[in-house]
Amino acid sequence: MGGRGGTSGLSSQSTIQSFLKAGIRFDDMDNLNKTAVEQSLSGFRDVLHDMGIPLSAINMISGTDEKGEIMGVNGFNDLVFSKRVYSSLDKAKENSESRNGYFVTNGLYGTGAHEAGHLIINEIINKTMKGSSVLEKAKARKSYKIEKQIIREAKKTYGSSPQISGYGQTKPSETIAEAVADVYTNKSKANPYSRVIVDIMKKKLKGK
């Protein structure tokens, strides 16, 4: 993986500049549409800021050739952008649009907010499983241990667990990420259940 050499043409963008100032490495981003990347990173950054997570929690940001992902976060807090999807602003916007309510939000800002939800889970795992091995933490991610705990607590608090979106029904991890996207993108129009989930996440980040 390369260093900041992959950021040519990016440094003039204000949001991207904030990541650079935080010491985040960019790699293989030259052929990505800068406006599309900027819009998604804005959503990602705003969620982390409100959650009290520094941008330095991100390991690196890069382009990826892997199919099936628009934007993603792995267990090492690497943030990736699909080179195919983010090759143009129109293509990125098209892939971020909700069809028949499948996604809880429309637009690239919401995509970034959604992916921030996945990184928050990594941070909760690191905080609540400090004495655990790397393998144990990996198992927790694979089994959705923390996500399931949050969903159980939210259901108990809210009294039910209504659907946030079609995509949110596919996995516990996507329920959490869609709740985060809902709260930070739809704001006052967000599902109250999503707000309960985000409040529980904030408490867990504080060790409660």
N, C-alpha and C. Protein backbone atom coordinates (compact mmCIF):
# COMPACT_ATOMS: atom_id res chain seq x y z
N MET A 1 0.84 -1.20 0.00
CA MET A 1 0.00 0.00 0.00
C MET A 1 0.87 1.25 0.00
N GLY A 2 0.44 2.20 -0.79
CA GLY A 2 1.22 3.41 -0.87
C GLY A 2 0.81 4.43 0.17
N GLY A 3 1.49 5.57 0.15
CA GLY A 3 1.18 6.62 1.10
C GLY A 3 0.33 7.69 0.48
N ARG A 4 0.63 8.92 0.77
CA ARG A 4 -0.21 10.01 0.29
C ARG A 4 0.01 10.34 -1.18
N GLY A 5 0.92 9.63 -1.82
CA GLY A 5 1.16 9.88 -3.24
C GLY A 5 -0.08 9.67 -4.07
N GLY A 6 -1.03 8.87 -3.56
CA GLY A 6 -2.25 8.60 -4.29
C GLY A 6 -3.29 9.69 -4.15
N THR A 7 -2.94 10.81 -3.58
CA THR A 7 -3.94 11.85 -3.32
C THR A 7 -3.86 13.01 -4.30
N SER A 8 -3.16 12.84 -5.40
CA SER A 8 -3.05 13.94 -6.35
C SER A 8 -4.42 14.40 -6.78
N GLY A 9 -4.66 15.71 -6.74
CA GLY A 9 -5.95 16.25 -7.12
C GLY A 9 -6.97 16.26 -6.02
N LEU A 10 -6.64 15.65 -4.86
CA LEU A 10 -7.60 15.55 -3.77
C LEU A 10 -7.45 16.66 -2.74
N SER A 11 -6.24 17.17 -2.57
CA SER A 11 -5.96 18.03 -1.44
C SER A 11 -6.73 19.35 -1.44
N SER A 12 -7.28 19.74 -2.59
CA SER A 12 -8.03 20.99 -2.62
C SER A 12 -9.43 20.83 -2.03
N GLN A 13 -9.86 19.59 -1.82
CA GLN A 13 -11.18 19.34 -1.29
C GLN A 13 -11.16 19.48 0.23
N SER A 14 -12.05 20.29 0.79
CA SER A 14 -12.01 20.61 2.21
C SER A 14 -12.16 19.40 3.12
N THR A 15 -13.14 18.53 2.83
CA THR A 15 -13.34 17.36 3.68
C THR A 15 -12.14 16.43 3.60
N ILE A 16 -11.67 16.20 2.40
CA ILE A 16 -10.51 15.33 2.23
C ILE A 16 -9.30 15.93 2.93
N GLN A 17 -9.20 17.24 2.88
CA GLN A 17 -8.09 17.91 3.56
C GLN A 17 -8.11 17.64 5.06
N SER A 18 -9.29 17.55 5.64
CA SER A 18 -9.38 17.28 7.08
C SER A 18 -8.86 15.89 7.41
N PHE A 19 -9.05 14.94 6.50
CA PHE A 19 -8.53 13.59 6.71
C PHE A 19 -7.00 13.59 6.56
N LEU A 20 -6.52 14.33 5.59
CA LEU A 20 -5.08 14.43 5.39
C LEU A 20 -4.40 15.06 6.60
N LYS A 21 -5.02 16.10 7.14
CA LYS A 21 -4.46 16.76 8.32
C LYS A 21 -4.44 15.83 9.53
N ALA A 22 -5.36 14.86 9.54
CA ALA A 22 -5.40 13.89 10.65
C ALA A 22 -4.37 12.78 10.45
N GLY A 23 -3.63 12.85 9.34
CA GLY A 23 -2.58 11.87 9.09
C GLY A 23 -3.04 10.61 8.39
N ILE A 24 -4.23 10.66 7.79
CA ILE A 24 -4.76 9.47 7.12
C ILE A 24 -4.11 9.28 5.76
N ARG A 25 -3.67 8.08 5.48
CA ARG A 25 -3.06 7.78 4.18
C ARG A 25 -4.14 7.52 3.13
N PHE A 26 -3.91 8.03 1.93
CA PHE A 26 -4.78 7.75 0.79
C PHE A 26 -3.98 6.94 -0.23
N ASP A 27 -4.63 5.97 -0.84
CA ASP A 27 -3.92 5.11 -1.80
C ASP A 27 -4.83 4.77 -2.97
N ASP A 28 -4.29 4.82 -4.18
CA ASP A 28 -4.99 4.36 -5.38
C ASP A 28 -6.33 5.08 -5.58
N MET A 29 -6.32 6.39 -5.47
CA MET A 29 -7.55 7.18 -5.57
C MET A 29 -7.57 8.09 -6.80
N ASP A 30 -6.55 8.06 -7.61
CA ASP A 30 -6.40 9.02 -8.70
C ASP A 30 -7.57 9.04 -9.69
N ASN A 31 -8.16 7.88 -9.97
CA ASN A 31 -9.19 7.81 -10.99
C ASN A 31 -10.61 7.88 -10.43
N LEU A 32 -10.73 8.19 -9.15
CA LEU A 32 -12.05 8.33 -8.54
C LEU A 32 -12.54 9.76 -8.68
N ASN A 33 -13.85 9.91 -8.84
CA ASN A 33 -14.41 11.25 -8.96
C ASN A 33 -14.31 11.97 -7.62
N LYS A 34 -13.64 13.10 -7.61
CA LYS A 34 -13.33 13.79 -6.36
C LYS A 34 -14.57 14.32 -5.64
N THR A 35 -15.54 14.79 -6.42
CA THR A 35 -16.77 15.31 -5.82
C THR A 35 -17.56 14.20 -5.13
N ALA A 36 -17.63 13.04 -5.77
CA ALA A 36 -18.35 11.90 -5.19
C ALA A 36 -17.68 11.44 -3.90
N VAL A 37 -16.36 11.34 -3.93
CA VAL A 37 -15.61 10.93 -2.74
C VAL A 37 -15.82 11.94 -1.62
N GLU A 38 -15.75 13.22 -1.97
CA GLU A 38 -15.93 14.29 -1.00
C GLU A 38 -17.29 14.21 -0.30
N GLN A 39 -18.34 13.97 -1.07
CA GLN A 39 -19.68 13.91 -0.49
C GLN A 39 -19.83 12.74 0.48
N SER A 40 -19.29 11.59 0.12
CA SER A 40 -19.38 10.43 1.02
C SER A 40 -18.52 10.61 2.26
N LEU A 41 -17.33 11.16 2.08
CA LEU A 41 -16.46 11.40 3.23
C LEU A 41 -17.07 12.43 4.19
N SER A 42 -17.87 13.35 3.66
CA SER A 42 -18.51 14.34 4.53
C SER A 42 -19.47 13.66 5.51
N GLY A 43 -20.26 12.72 5.00
CA GLY A 43 -21.16 11.97 5.86
C GLY A 43 -20.41 11.14 6.88
N PHE A 44 -19.34 10.51 6.43
CA PHE A 44 -18.52 9.68 7.30
C PHE A 44 -17.91 10.53 8.42
N ARG A 45 -17.33 11.65 8.05
CA ARG A 45 -16.67 12.54 9.01
C ARG A 45 -17.64 13.11 10.03
N ASP A 46 -18.81 13.54 9.57
CA ASP A 46 -19.77 14.17 10.48
C ASP A 46 -20.26 13.21 11.55
N VAL A 47 -20.47 11.96 11.17
CA VAL A 47 -20.90 10.96 12.16
C VAL A 47 -19.81 10.73 13.20
N LEU A 48 -18.57 10.54 12.73
CA LEU A 48 -17.48 10.30 13.68
C LEU A 48 -17.31 11.47 14.63
N HIS A 49 -17.43 12.68 14.10
CA HIS A 49 -17.28 13.88 14.93
C HIS A 49 -18.33 13.91 16.03
N ASP A 50 -19.57 13.65 15.67
CA ASP A 50 -20.64 13.68 16.66
C ASP A 50 -20.50 12.56 17.68
N MET A 51 -19.96 11.44 17.25
CA MET A 51 -19.78 10.30 18.15
C MET A 51 -18.52 10.42 19.01
N GLY A 52 -17.73 11.45 18.76
CA GLY A 52 -16.52 11.64 19.55
C GLY A 52 -15.37 10.74 19.15
N ILE A 53 -15.40 10.25 17.90
CA ILE A 53 -14.34 9.38 17.39
C ILE A 53 -13.41 10.20 16.50
N PRO A 54 -12.13 10.26 16.79
CA PRO A 54 -11.20 11.05 15.97
C PRO A 54 -11.01 10.43 14.59
N LEU A 55 -10.72 11.26 13.61
CA LEU A 55 -10.47 10.74 12.26
C LEU A 55 -9.28 9.80 12.25
N SER A 56 -8.39 9.96 13.21
CA SER A 56 -7.20 9.10 13.29
C SER A 56 -7.54 7.64 13.58
N ALA A 57 -8.81 7.37 13.90
CA ALA A 57 -9.24 5.98 14.11
C ALA A 57 -9.20 5.21 12.80
N ILE A 58 -9.24 5.93 11.68
CA ILE A 58 -9.18 5.30 10.36
C ILE A 58 -7.74 4.94 10.05
N ASN A 59 -7.53 3.75 9.54
CA ASN A 59 -6.18 3.32 9.21
C ASN A 59 -5.72 3.93 7.89
N MET A 60 -6.52 3.74 6.85
CA MET A 60 -6.21 4.33 5.55
C MET A 60 -7.46 4.36 4.68
N ILE A 61 -7.40 5.12 3.60
CA ILE A 61 -8.50 5.24 2.65
C ILE A 61 -7.96 4.89 1.27
N SER A 62 -8.66 4.00 0.56
CA SER A 62 -8.14 3.58 -0.74
C SER A 62 -9.25 3.20 -1.71
N GLY A 63 -8.87 3.06 -2.97
CA GLY A 63 -9.78 2.55 -3.98
C GLY A 63 -9.69 1.04 -4.01
N THR A 64 -10.75 0.38 -4.44
CA THR A 64 -10.74 -1.08 -4.52
C THR A 64 -11.39 -1.55 -5.81
N ASP A 65 -10.92 -2.67 -6.32
CA ASP A 65 -11.49 -3.27 -7.53
C ASP A 65 -12.51 -4.36 -7.18
N GLU A 66 -12.69 -4.63 -5.89
CA GLU A 66 -13.62 -5.69 -5.48
C GLU A 66 -15.04 -5.35 -5.89
N LYS A 67 -15.75 -6.36 -6.37
CA LYS A 67 -17.12 -6.16 -6.81
C LYS A 67 -18.08 -6.29 -5.61
N GLY A 68 -19.24 -5.67 -5.73
CA GLY A 68 -20.27 -5.82 -4.72
C GLY A 68 -20.23 -4.79 -3.62
N GLU A 69 -19.21 -3.95 -3.61
CA GLU A 69 -19.12 -2.91 -2.59
C GLU A 69 -19.14 -1.54 -3.23
N ILE A 70 -19.92 -0.64 -2.66
CA ILE A 70 -19.90 0.75 -3.10
C ILE A 70 -18.80 1.48 -2.32
N MET A 71 -18.86 1.28 -1.01
CA MET A 71 -17.92 1.88 -0.06
C MET A 71 -17.92 0.93 1.12
N GLY A 72 -16.79 0.72 1.77
CA GLY A 72 -16.78 -0.25 2.86
C GLY A 72 -15.72 0.01 3.91
N VAL A 73 -15.92 -0.62 5.07
CA VAL A 73 -14.98 -0.55 6.19
C VAL A 73 -14.67 -1.97 6.62
N ASN A 74 -13.38 -2.30 6.78
CA ASN A 74 -13.05 -3.64 7.28
C ASN A 74 -12.69 -3.60 8.76
N GLY A 75 -12.31 -4.76 9.30
CA GLY A 75 -12.00 -4.86 10.72
C GLY A 75 -10.77 -4.11 11.16
N PHE A 76 -9.96 -3.68 10.19
CA PHE A 76 -8.76 -2.91 10.52
C PHE A 76 -9.00 -1.41 10.38
N ASN A 77 -10.26 -1.03 10.16
CA ASN A 77 -10.65 0.37 9.96
C ASN A 77 -10.06 0.98 8.70
N ASP A 78 -9.88 0.13 7.68
CA ASP A 78 -9.55 0.63 6.35
C ASP A 78 -10.86 1.01 5.68
N LEU A 79 -10.89 2.17 5.05
CA LEU A 79 -12.08 2.64 4.34
C LEU A 79 -11.80 2.55 2.85
N VAL A 80 -12.68 1.85 2.11
CA VAL A 80 -12.44 1.66 0.68
C VAL A 80 -13.60 2.19 -0.16
N PHE A 81 -13.25 2.66 -1.35
CA PHE A 81 -14.22 3.14 -2.33
C PHE A 81 -14.12 2.28 -3.58
N SER A 82 -15.25 1.87 -4.10
CA SER A 82 -15.25 1.10 -5.34
C SER A 82 -14.77 1.97 -6.50
N LYS A 83 -13.74 1.53 -7.18
CA LYS A 83 -13.24 2.28 -8.33
C LYS A 83 -14.29 2.34 -9.44
N ARG A 84 -15.03 1.25 -9.60
CA ARG A 84 -16.06 1.20 -10.64
C ARG A 84 -17.17 2.20 -10.34
N VAL A 85 -17.68 2.17 -9.11
CA VAL A 85 -18.81 3.02 -8.75
C VAL A 85 -18.40 4.49 -8.67
N TYR A 86 -17.25 4.77 -8.07
CA TYR A 86 -16.82 6.16 -7.86
C TYR A 86 -16.01 6.71 -9.04
N SER A 87 -16.07 6.04 -10.18
CA SER A 87 -15.36 6.53 -11.36
C SER A 87 -16.02 7.78 -11.93
N SER A 88 -17.30 7.98 -11.63
CA SER A 88 -17.99 9.19 -12.07
C SER A 88 -19.02 9.59 -11.01
N LEU A 89 -19.36 10.86 -10.97
CA LEU A 89 -20.33 11.35 -10.00
C LEU A 89 -21.71 10.75 -10.28
N ASP A 90 -22.10 10.67 -11.55
CA ASP A 90 -23.41 10.13 -11.90
C ASP A 90 -23.53 8.67 -11.48
N LYS A 91 -22.48 7.90 -11.72
CA LYS A 91 -22.52 6.47 -11.38
C LYS A 91 -22.58 6.29 -9.86
N ALA A 92 -21.82 7.09 -9.14
CA ALA A 92 -21.83 6.99 -7.68
C ALA A 92 -23.20 7.37 -7.13
N LYS A 93 -23.78 8.44 -7.66
CA LYS A 93 -25.11 8.86 -7.20
C LYS A 93 -26.15 7.79 -7.50
N GLU A 94 -26.07 7.20 -8.68
CA GLU A 94 -27.03 6.17 -9.08
C GLU A 94 -26.99 4.98 -8.11
N ASN A 95 -25.79 4.58 -7.73
CA ASN A 95 -25.63 3.42 -6.84
C ASN A 95 -26.02 3.73 -5.40
N SER A 96 -26.08 5.00 -5.04
CA SER A 96 -26.43 5.37 -3.66
C SER A 96 -27.92 5.67 -3.50
N GLU A 97 -28.66 5.65 -4.60
CA GLU A 97 -30.09 5.96 -4.54
C GLU A 97 -30.89 4.77 -4.03
N SER A 98 -31.85 5.06 -3.17
CA SER A 98 -32.74 4.02 -2.64
C SER A 98 -33.85 3.73 -3.63
N ARG A 99 -34.13 2.46 -3.82
CA ARG A 99 -35.23 2.05 -4.69
C ARG A 99 -36.26 1.30 -3.87
N ASN A 100 -37.46 1.81 -3.85
CA ASN A 100 -38.56 1.20 -3.10
C ASN A 100 -38.22 1.02 -1.62
N GLY A 101 -37.49 2.00 -1.08
CA GLY A 101 -37.19 1.97 0.34
C GLY A 101 -36.13 0.96 0.76
N TYR A 102 -35.36 0.44 -0.21
CA TYR A 102 -34.36 -0.57 0.16
C TYR A 102 -33.28 0.02 1.05
N PHE A 103 -32.82 1.23 0.74
CA PHE A 103 -31.90 1.96 1.61
C PHE A 103 -32.69 3.00 2.39
N VAL A 104 -32.24 3.33 3.57
CA VAL A 104 -32.96 4.30 4.40
C VAL A 104 -32.70 5.73 3.95
N THR A 105 -31.65 5.94 3.17
CA THR A 105 -31.32 7.29 2.70
C THR A 105 -31.05 7.29 1.20
N ASN A 106 -31.09 8.46 0.63
CA ASN A 106 -30.70 8.67 -0.76
C ASN A 106 -29.45 9.54 -0.77
N GLY A 107 -28.51 9.23 -1.62
CA GLY A 107 -27.36 10.10 -1.80
C GLY A 107 -26.07 9.63 -1.17
N LEU A 108 -25.01 10.27 -1.60
CA LEU A 108 -23.66 9.88 -1.21
C LEU A 108 -23.32 10.23 0.23
N TYR A 109 -23.90 11.30 0.74
CA TYR A 109 -23.69 11.65 2.15
C TYR A 109 -24.18 10.51 3.04
N GLY A 110 -25.35 9.98 2.71
CA GLY A 110 -25.91 8.87 3.48
C GLY A 110 -25.07 7.60 3.38
N THR A 111 -24.46 7.39 2.22
CA THR A 111 -23.57 6.23 2.07
C THR A 111 -22.40 6.33 3.04
N GLY A 112 -21.84 7.53 3.14
CA GLY A 112 -20.73 7.73 4.07
C GLY A 112 -21.16 7.56 5.51
N ALA A 113 -22.35 8.09 5.86
CA ALA A 113 -22.87 7.96 7.22
C ALA A 113 -23.10 6.49 7.56
N HIS A 114 -23.61 5.74 6.59
CA HIS A 114 -23.84 4.30 6.78
C HIS A 114 -22.53 3.58 7.12
N GLU A 115 -21.49 3.84 6.34
CA GLU A 115 -20.22 3.16 6.57
C GLU A 115 -19.59 3.57 7.90
N ALA A 116 -19.85 4.80 8.33
CA ALA A 116 -19.36 5.23 9.64
C ALA A 116 -19.95 4.34 10.73
N GLY A 117 -21.19 3.89 10.52
CA GLY A 117 -21.82 2.98 11.49
C GLY A 117 -21.03 1.71 11.69
N HIS A 118 -20.45 1.19 10.61
CA HIS A 118 -19.63 -0.02 10.71
C HIS A 118 -18.34 0.25 11.49
N LEU A 119 -17.74 1.40 11.25
CA LEU A 119 -16.51 1.74 11.97
C LEU A 119 -16.80 1.93 13.46
N ILE A 120 -17.95 2.49 13.79
CA ILE A 120 -18.30 2.68 15.21
C ILE A 120 -18.36 1.33 15.92
N ILE A 121 -18.89 0.32 15.25
CA ILE A 121 -18.94 -1.02 15.85
C ILE A 121 -17.53 -1.51 16.14
N ASN A 122 -16.60 -1.29 15.20
CA ASN A 122 -15.20 -1.67 15.45
C ASN A 122 -14.66 -0.97 16.70
N GLU A 123 -14.99 0.30 16.85
CA GLU A 123 -14.52 1.07 18.00
C GLU A 123 -15.15 0.56 19.30
N ILE A 124 -16.41 0.17 19.24
CA ILE A 124 -17.07 -0.39 20.43
C ILE A 124 -16.44 -1.73 20.81
N ILE A 125 -16.13 -2.53 19.81
CA ILE A 125 -15.46 -3.81 20.06
C ILE A 125 -14.11 -3.57 20.74
N ASN A 126 -13.34 -2.63 20.22
CA ASN A 126 -12.03 -2.33 20.79
C ASN A 126 -12.14 -1.81 22.22
N LYS A 127 -13.19 -1.06 22.49
CA LYS A 127 -13.36 -0.47 23.82
C LYS A 127 -13.89 -1.48 24.84
N THR A 128 -14.86 -2.30 24.43
CA THR A 128 -15.49 -3.23 25.36
C THR A 128 -14.78 -4.58 25.44
N MET A 129 -13.84 -4.84 24.52
CA MET A 129 -13.11 -6.11 24.53
C MET A 129 -11.61 -5.86 24.59
N LYS A 130 -11.20 -4.91 25.43
CA LYS A 130 -9.79 -4.51 25.52
C LYS A 130 -8.86 -5.67 25.82
N GLY A 131 -9.27 -6.57 26.69
CA GLY A 131 -8.39 -7.67 27.08
C GLY A 131 -8.48 -8.87 26.16
N SER A 132 -9.26 -8.76 25.10
CA SER A 132 -9.46 -9.88 24.18
C SER A 132 -8.39 -9.92 23.10
N SER A 133 -8.17 -11.11 22.58
CA SER A 133 -7.18 -11.28 21.51
C SER A 133 -7.74 -10.79 20.18
N VAL A 134 -6.86 -10.64 19.22
CA VAL A 134 -7.27 -10.24 17.87
C VAL A 134 -8.28 -11.24 17.30
N LEU A 135 -8.03 -12.53 17.58
CA LEU A 135 -8.93 -13.58 17.10
C LEU A 135 -10.31 -13.46 17.73
N GLU A 136 -10.35 -13.20 19.03
CA GLU A 136 -11.63 -13.06 19.72
C GLU A 136 -12.42 -11.87 19.17
N LYS A 137 -11.72 -10.78 18.89
CA LYS A 137 -12.38 -9.60 18.32
C LYS A 137 -12.89 -9.90 16.92
N ALA A 138 -12.12 -10.66 16.15
CA ALA A 138 -12.53 -11.03 14.80
C ALA A 138 -13.78 -11.90 14.85
N LYS A 139 -13.83 -12.80 15.83
CA LYS A 139 -15.01 -13.66 15.99
C LYS A 139 -16.24 -12.82 16.37
N ALA A 140 -16.02 -11.81 17.20
CA ALA A 140 -17.13 -10.93 17.60
C ALA A 140 -17.68 -10.19 16.39
N ARG A 141 -16.79 -9.76 15.49
CA ARG A 141 -17.24 -9.07 14.28
C ARG A 141 -18.00 -10.04 13.37
N LYS A 142 -17.47 -11.24 13.22
CA LYS A 142 -18.08 -12.21 12.32
C LYS A 142 -19.45 -12.67 12.81
N SER A 143 -19.61 -12.77 14.13
CA SER A 143 -20.88 -13.24 14.70
C SER A 143 -21.87 -12.11 14.98
N TYR A 144 -21.44 -10.88 14.72
CA TYR A 144 -22.26 -9.69 14.99
C TYR A 144 -22.63 -9.60 16.48
N LYS A 145 -21.69 -9.97 17.32
CA LYS A 145 -21.94 -10.00 18.76
C LYS A 145 -22.42 -8.65 19.30
N ILE A 146 -21.69 -7.60 18.99
CA ILE A 146 -22.04 -6.27 19.51
C ILE A 146 -23.33 -5.76 18.87
N GLU A 147 -23.47 -5.96 17.58
CA GLU A 147 -24.68 -5.51 16.89
C GLU A 147 -25.92 -6.16 17.50
N LYS A 148 -25.84 -7.47 17.77
CA LYS A 148 -26.98 -8.19 18.34
C LYS A 148 -27.30 -7.67 19.74
N GLN A 149 -26.25 -7.35 20.51
CA GLN A 149 -26.47 -6.79 21.84
C GLN A 149 -27.22 -5.46 21.75
N ILE A 150 -26.77 -4.61 20.84
CA ILE A 150 -27.39 -3.29 20.67
C ILE A 150 -28.84 -3.43 20.24
N ILE A 151 -29.10 -4.32 19.31
CA ILE A 151 -30.46 -4.53 18.82
C ILE A 151 -31.37 -5.05 19.93
N ARG A 152 -30.87 -5.97 20.76
CA ARG A 152 -31.66 -6.49 21.89
C ARG A 152 -32.00 -5.36 22.87
N GLU A 153 -31.00 -4.54 23.18
CA GLU A 153 -31.22 -3.42 24.10
C GLU A 153 -32.20 -2.40 23.52
N ALA A 154 -32.08 -2.16 22.21
CA ALA A 154 -32.97 -1.20 21.56
C ALA A 154 -34.41 -1.71 21.56
N LYS A 155 -34.58 -2.98 21.30
CA LYS A 155 -35.92 -3.57 21.30
C LYS A 155 -36.55 -3.49 22.69
N LYS A 156 -35.75 -3.74 23.71
CA LYS A 156 -36.24 -3.66 25.09
C LYS A 156 -36.64 -2.23 25.44
N THR A 157 -35.83 -1.27 25.01
CA THR A 157 -36.11 0.14 25.30
C THR A 157 -37.29 0.66 24.50
N TYR A 158 -37.32 0.34 23.21
CA TYR A 158 -38.34 0.87 22.31
C TYR A 158 -39.66 0.10 22.40
N GLY A 159 -39.55 -1.19 22.76
CA GLY A 159 -40.76 -2.02 22.86
C GLY A 159 -41.01 -2.89 21.66
N SER A 160 -40.26 -2.66 20.59
CA SER A 160 -40.37 -3.46 19.37
C SER A 160 -39.13 -3.19 18.53
N SER A 161 -39.02 -3.88 17.40
CA SER A 161 -37.88 -3.65 16.51
C SER A 161 -38.38 -3.49 15.08
N PRO A 162 -38.97 -2.33 14.78
CA PRO A 162 -39.51 -2.10 13.44
C PRO A 162 -38.43 -2.06 12.36
N GLN A 163 -38.82 -2.34 11.16
CA GLN A 163 -37.88 -2.32 10.03
C GLN A 163 -37.43 -0.89 9.76
N ILE A 164 -36.12 -0.71 9.62
CA ILE A 164 -35.57 0.60 9.27
C ILE A 164 -35.52 0.75 7.75
N SER A 165 -35.11 -0.33 7.10
CA SER A 165 -35.06 -0.37 5.63
C SER A 165 -34.95 -1.82 5.20
N GLY A 166 -35.12 -2.04 3.90
CA GLY A 166 -34.96 -3.40 3.38
C GLY A 166 -33.54 -3.90 3.59
N TYR A 167 -32.58 -3.05 3.30
CA TYR A 167 -31.18 -3.43 3.46
C TYR A 167 -30.85 -3.68 4.94
N GLY A 168 -31.49 -2.93 5.81
CA GLY A 168 -31.25 -3.10 7.23
C GLY A 168 -31.70 -4.44 7.76
N GLN A 169 -32.54 -5.13 7.01
CA GLN A 169 -33.04 -6.44 7.42
C GLN A 169 -32.11 -7.58 7.05
N THR A 170 -31.11 -7.30 6.22
CA THR A 170 -30.28 -8.38 5.69
C THR A 170 -29.29 -8.96 6.71
N LYS A 171 -28.75 -8.12 7.59
CA LYS A 171 -27.79 -8.56 8.60
C LYS A 171 -27.88 -7.62 9.81
N PRO A 172 -27.54 -8.11 11.01
CA PRO A 172 -27.51 -7.21 12.17
C PRO A 172 -26.60 -6.02 11.97
N SER A 173 -25.48 -6.23 11.27
CA SER A 173 -24.54 -5.13 11.04
C SER A 173 -25.16 -4.05 10.17
N GLU A 174 -26.02 -4.46 9.23
CA GLU A 174 -26.66 -3.48 8.35
C GLU A 174 -27.83 -2.78 9.05
N THR A 175 -28.44 -3.44 10.02
CA THR A 175 -29.46 -2.78 10.83
C THR A 175 -28.84 -1.59 11.55
N ILE A 176 -27.67 -1.82 12.14
CA ILE A 176 -26.96 -0.77 12.87
C ILE A 176 -26.53 0.36 11.94
N ALA A 177 -25.91 0.00 10.83
CA ALA A 177 -25.40 1.01 9.90
C ALA A 177 -26.53 1.84 9.29
N GLU A 178 -27.66 1.19 9.00
CA GLU A 178 -28.80 1.92 8.45
C GLU A 178 -29.41 2.85 9.50
N ALA A 179 -29.39 2.43 10.76
CA ALA A 179 -29.89 3.30 11.84
C ALA A 179 -29.04 4.57 11.93
N VAL A 180 -27.73 4.40 11.83
CA VAL A 180 -26.82 5.54 11.88
C VAL A 180 -27.08 6.46 10.68
N ALA A 181 -27.18 5.88 9.50
CA ALA A 181 -27.45 6.69 8.30
C ALA A 181 -28.78 7.42 8.42
N ASP A 182 -29.76 6.76 8.97
CA ASP A 182 -31.09 7.35 9.16
C ASP A 182 -31.03 8.58 10.05
N VAL A 183 -30.40 8.44 11.20
CA VAL A 183 -30.34 9.54 12.17
C VAL A 183 -29.55 10.73 11.65
N TYR A 184 -28.41 10.47 11.02
CA TYR A 184 -27.53 11.57 10.61
C TYR A 184 -27.87 12.17 9.25
N THR A 185 -28.67 11.45 8.47
CA THR A 185 -29.05 11.99 7.15
C THR A 185 -30.48 12.51 7.15
N ASN A 186 -31.39 11.73 7.71
CA ASN A 186 -32.81 12.13 7.72
C ASN A 186 -33.16 13.04 8.89
N LYS A 187 -32.28 13.10 9.86
CA LYS A 187 -32.39 14.00 11.01
C LYS A 187 -33.77 13.96 11.68
N SER A 188 -34.54 15.02 11.66
CA SER A 188 -35.82 15.07 12.38
C SER A 188 -36.84 14.06 11.85
N LYS A 189 -36.62 13.60 10.63
CA LYS A 189 -37.55 12.63 10.03
C LYS A 189 -37.11 11.18 10.26
N ALA A 190 -36.04 10.99 11.00
CA ALA A 190 -35.51 9.63 11.24
C ALA A 190 -36.48 8.80 12.07
N ASN A 191 -36.44 7.51 11.84
CA ASN A 191 -37.23 6.55 12.62
C ASN A 191 -36.83 6.66 14.09
N PRO A 192 -37.77 6.80 15.02
CA PRO A 192 -37.43 6.88 16.45
C PRO A 192 -36.63 5.67 16.92
N TYR A 193 -36.88 4.52 16.32
CA TYR A 193 -36.13 3.30 16.67
C TYR A 193 -34.66 3.46 16.32
N SER A 194 -34.38 4.11 15.20
CA SER A 194 -32.99 4.38 14.81
C SER A 194 -32.30 5.24 15.86
N ARG A 195 -33.04 6.22 16.40
CA ARG A 195 -32.48 7.11 17.43
C ARG A 195 -32.11 6.33 18.68
N VAL A 196 -32.94 5.36 19.04
CA VAL A 196 -32.67 4.53 20.22
C VAL A 196 -31.38 3.75 20.00
N ILE A 197 -31.21 3.20 18.81
CA ILE A 197 -30.00 2.43 18.48
C ILE A 197 -28.76 3.32 18.59
N VAL A 198 -28.83 4.50 18.01
CA VAL A 198 -27.68 5.41 18.04
C VAL A 198 -27.36 5.85 19.46
N ASP A 199 -28.37 6.10 20.26
CA ASP A 199 -28.14 6.48 21.67
C ASP A 199 -27.42 5.37 22.44
N ILE A 200 -27.80 4.13 22.17
CA ILE A 200 -27.14 2.99 22.82
C ILE A 200 -25.69 2.89 22.36
N MET A 201 -25.44 3.13 21.10
CA MET A 201 -24.07 3.11 20.57
C MET A 201 -23.21 4.16 21.26
N LYS A 202 -23.77 5.35 21.44
CA LYS A 202 -23.03 6.42 22.11
C LYS A 202 -22.66 6.02 23.54
N LYS A 203 -23.59 5.37 24.24
CA LYS A 203 -23.34 4.93 25.61
C LYS A 203 -22.23 3.89 25.64
N LYS A 204 -22.26 2.97 24.70
CA LYS A 204 -21.24 1.91 24.66
C LYS A 204 -19.86 2.49 24.35
N LEU A 205 -19.81 3.52 23.55
CA LEU A 205 -18.53 4.18 23.27
C LEU A 205 -17.96 4.84 24.52
N LYS A 206 -18.87 5.22 25.42
CA LYS A 206 -18.45 5.85 26.68
C LYS A 206 -18.22 4.82 27.78
N GLY A 207 -18.36 3.53 27.41
CA GLY A 207 -18.13 2.47 28.38
C GLY A 207 -19.29 2.18 29.30
N LYS A 208 -20.49 2.60 28.91
CA LYS A 208 -21.69 2.37 29.74
C LYS A 208 -22.46 1.17 29.27
